[in-house]
Protein backbone atom coordinates (compact mmCIF):
# COMPACT_ATOMS: atom_id res chain seq x y z
CA UNK A 1 -30.85 59.69 -93.98
CA UNK A 2 -33.62 57.22 -93.49
CA UNK A 3 -36.12 58.11 -90.64
CA UNK A 4 -39.20 56.52 -89.16
CA UNK A 5 -42.42 58.48 -89.62
CA UNK A 6 -44.87 56.07 -87.88
CA UNK A 7 -44.31 52.69 -85.96
CA UNK A 8 -46.54 50.22 -84.53
CA UNK A 9 -44.54 47.84 -82.50
CA UNK A 10 -45.19 44.11 -82.50
CA UNK A 11 -46.29 44.24 -78.89
CA UNK A 12 -49.44 46.42 -79.88
CA UNK A 13 -50.35 43.43 -82.09
CA UNK A 14 -50.51 41.11 -79.29
CA UNK A 15 -47.25 39.05 -79.37
CA UNK A 16 -46.36 37.53 -76.07
CA UNK A 17 -42.69 37.67 -74.69
CA UNK A 18 -41.71 34.29 -76.02
CA UNK A 19 -42.71 34.95 -79.65
CA UNK A 20 -41.27 38.64 -79.41
CA UNK A 21 -37.97 36.84 -78.73
CA UNK A 22 -38.29 34.35 -81.63
CA UNK A 23 -37.38 34.88 -85.41
CA UNK A 24 -37.95 38.47 -86.59
CA UNK A 25 -38.94 38.64 -90.25
CA UNK A 26 -39.09 41.90 -91.99
CA UNK A 27 -40.97 42.41 -95.16
CA UNK A 28 -40.83 45.39 -97.49
CA UNK A 29 -44.40 46.12 -98.49
CA UNK A 30 -45.87 48.55 -100.80
CA UNK A 31 -48.95 46.60 -101.95
CA UNK A 32 -47.49 45.75 -105.12
CA UNK A 33 -48.01 42.30 -106.62
CA UNK A 34 -44.23 41.62 -105.91
CA UNK A 35 -44.71 42.81 -102.25
CA UNK A 36 -47.86 40.47 -101.93
CA UNK A 37 -45.90 37.28 -103.29
CA UNK A 38 -42.98 38.47 -100.77
CA UNK A 39 -45.47 38.58 -97.69
CA UNK A 40 -47.09 35.23 -98.79
CA UNK A 41 -43.64 33.53 -99.04
CA UNK A 42 -42.57 35.06 -95.66
CA UNK A 43 -45.63 33.75 -93.90
CA UNK A 44 -45.46 30.42 -95.78
CA UNK A 45 -41.60 30.02 -94.90
CA UNK A 46 -41.55 31.57 -91.45
CA UNK A 47 -45.07 32.13 -90.15
CA UNK A 48 -45.26 29.00 -87.91
CA UNK A 49 -41.81 29.52 -86.45
CA UNK A 50 -42.80 31.22 -83.33
CA UNK A 51 -41.49 34.68 -84.44
CA UNK A 52 -42.69 37.93 -85.52
CA UNK A 53 -43.41 39.77 -88.70
CA UNK A 54 -42.69 43.52 -89.35
CA UNK A 55 -44.14 45.15 -92.34
CA UNK A 56 -42.24 48.11 -93.65
CA UNK A 57 -43.52 50.74 -96.21
CA UNK A 58 -41.34 53.63 -97.41
CA UNK A 59 -42.50 57.05 -98.54
CA UNK A 60 -40.59 60.09 -99.76
CA UNK A 61 -39.32 62.66 -97.48
CA UNK A 62 -41.65 65.34 -99.07
CA UNK A 63 -44.80 63.07 -98.41
CA UNK A 64 -43.54 62.50 -94.83
CA UNK A 65 -43.00 66.30 -94.17
CA UNK A 66 -46.15 67.34 -96.00
CA UNK A 67 -49.24 67.67 -93.57
CA UNK A 68 -51.56 67.57 -96.71
CA UNK A 69 -50.07 64.48 -98.28
CA UNK A 70 -52.07 61.24 -97.98
CA UNK A 71 -49.32 58.93 -98.60
CA UNK A 72 -48.36 58.14 -95.10
CA UNK A 73 -52.05 57.44 -94.26
CA UNK A 74 -52.28 55.27 -97.57
CA UNK A 75 -49.09 53.43 -96.49
CA UNK A 76 -50.55 52.68 -92.93
CA UNK A 77 -53.97 51.37 -94.42
CA UNK A 78 -52.17 49.06 -96.73
CA UNK A 79 -49.96 47.85 -93.83
CA UNK A 80 -53.04 47.38 -91.44
CA UNK A 81 -54.81 45.64 -94.16
CA UNK A 82 -51.82 43.33 -94.76
CA UNK A 83 -51.24 42.66 -91.24
CA UNK A 84 -54.94 41.47 -90.84
CA UNK A 85 -54.27 38.66 -93.26
CA UNK A 86 -51.28 37.20 -91.33
CA UNK A 87 -53.43 34.92 -89.29
CA UNK A 88 -52.01 34.22 -85.92
CA UNK A 89 -48.54 35.49 -86.61
CA UNK A 90 -47.75 38.59 -84.43
CA UNK A 91 -47.37 41.67 -86.82
CA UNK A 92 -45.91 45.19 -86.38
CA UNK A 93 -45.40 47.80 -88.91
CA UNK A 94 -43.44 50.85 -89.76
CA UNK A 95 -43.46 53.58 -92.32
CA UNK A 96 -40.20 55.12 -93.06
CA UNK A 97 -38.99 58.05 -95.13
CA UNK A 98 -36.19 58.23 -97.48
CA UNK A 99 -34.81 56.14 -100.24
CA UNK A 100 -36.31 52.65 -100.20
CA UNK A 101 -33.10 50.45 -100.23
CA UNK A 102 -31.39 52.53 -97.65
CA UNK A 103 -34.69 52.66 -95.46
CA UNK A 104 -34.99 48.95 -95.55
CA UNK A 105 -31.42 48.30 -94.79
CA UNK A 106 -31.36 50.89 -91.87
CA UNK A 107 -34.46 49.44 -90.31
CA UNK A 108 -33.67 45.86 -90.75
CA UNK A 109 -30.07 46.43 -89.06
CA UNK A 110 -31.33 48.76 -86.34
CA UNK A 111 -34.24 46.49 -85.44
CA UNK A 112 -32.25 43.27 -85.52
CA UNK A 113 -34.27 41.48 -88.15
CA UNK A 114 -33.25 37.89 -88.77
CA UNK A 115 -34.21 38.15 -92.43
CA UNK A 116 -35.52 40.82 -94.79
CA UNK A 117 -37.93 39.60 -97.40
CA UNK A 118 -38.63 41.65 -100.54
CA UNK A 119 -40.10 41.09 -103.94
CA UNK A 120 -38.15 40.99 -107.16
CA UNK A 121 -39.11 43.72 -109.62
CA UNK A 122 -36.64 43.78 -112.36
CA UNK A 123 -38.14 44.27 -115.73
CA UNK A 124 -35.02 44.62 -117.71
CA UNK A 125 -33.77 42.38 -120.61
CA UNK A 126 -31.52 40.39 -118.31
CA UNK A 127 -32.80 37.61 -116.24
CA UNK A 128 -30.27 38.62 -113.54
CA UNK A 129 -31.85 41.86 -113.02
CA UNK A 130 -33.60 42.12 -109.58
CA UNK A 131 -34.82 45.70 -109.41
CA UNK A 132 -33.03 48.51 -107.72
CA UNK A 133 -34.08 48.13 -104.23
CA UNK A 134 -33.47 44.25 -104.23
CA UNK A 135 -30.08 44.82 -105.96
CA UNK A 136 -29.09 47.44 -103.30
CA UNK A 137 -30.14 45.27 -100.32
CA UNK A 138 -28.23 42.20 -101.69
CA UNK A 139 -25.23 44.14 -102.15
CA UNK A 140 -25.33 46.41 -99.02
CA UNK A 141 -27.50 44.75 -96.22
CA UNK A 142 -25.88 43.04 -93.43
CA UNK A 143 -29.10 41.18 -92.61
CA UNK A 144 -29.78 38.20 -94.83
CA UNK A 145 -32.10 39.24 -97.77
CA UNK A 146 -34.72 36.82 -99.41
CA UNK A 147 -35.65 37.98 -102.90
CA UNK A 148 -38.92 36.44 -104.07
CA UNK A 149 -39.61 36.27 -107.84
CA UNK A 150 -43.36 36.25 -108.35
CA UNK A 151 -42.95 35.32 -112.09
CA UNK A 152 -41.54 31.80 -111.81
CA UNK A 153 -43.34 29.00 -110.15
CA UNK A 154 -41.69 26.94 -107.67
CA UNK A 155 -41.03 23.27 -108.38
CA UNK A 156 -44.08 21.14 -107.57
CA UNK A 157 -46.19 24.20 -107.05
CA UNK A 158 -49.05 25.73 -109.11
CA UNK A 159 -48.25 28.91 -111.18
CA UNK A 160 -49.55 31.23 -108.45
CA UNK A 161 -46.89 30.01 -105.92
CA UNK A 162 -43.77 32.38 -106.09
CA UNK A 163 -40.04 31.17 -106.39
CA UNK A 164 -38.28 32.22 -103.24
CA UNK A 165 -34.75 31.22 -104.13
CA UNK A 166 -32.76 31.04 -107.19
CA UNK A 167 -31.12 27.56 -107.52
CA UNK A 168 -27.58 27.45 -108.82
CA UNK A 169 -25.87 24.32 -109.92
CA UNK A 170 -22.14 24.09 -110.06
CA UNK A 171 -22.26 24.20 -113.85
CA UNK A 172 -24.09 27.74 -113.58
CA UNK A 173 -21.78 29.13 -110.93
CA UNK A 174 -20.44 32.60 -111.83
CA UNK A 175 -16.85 31.44 -111.11
CA UNK A 176 -17.04 28.52 -113.49
CA UNK A 177 -18.76 30.23 -116.41
CA UNK A 178 -16.84 33.65 -116.00
CA UNK A 179 -20.03 35.59 -115.75
CA UNK A 180 -20.76 37.84 -112.91
């Protein structure tokens, strides 16, 4: 079962009561390129909305239980560095232990996130592949999940700007093409 290892609540990052009650955006963050794009997109889309941002990293059970493991400390350092780049948006973070998809789903649901933002990591032959964590979350998470694709530029943006949604026209609909 997923469990918390270390949590720094949003309040300790200076959120006032009004902001703490606004939109709660959770970002799965592991300092990868995909996670960086997900964080950038979350800040661009939701940063000025008066809410708060929660960055969440996941480590293995073994690393969480091993006093000699540096993985928890590294995860906290990455989260702290990412939080410092969030500007005026109040940020909190959590380090969790367990399977990444299950941990992110559990934390988002139990902490009443309004949206969970993750990066797309699928490296398979199919353009429909999301990566195992994003695939799990889109199938099992009751919280809305925004999957950010760092490889495809958004319309009207430069090539460094990630795509934050897949546009599906009626002709591309799975029902009409028979594909799932």
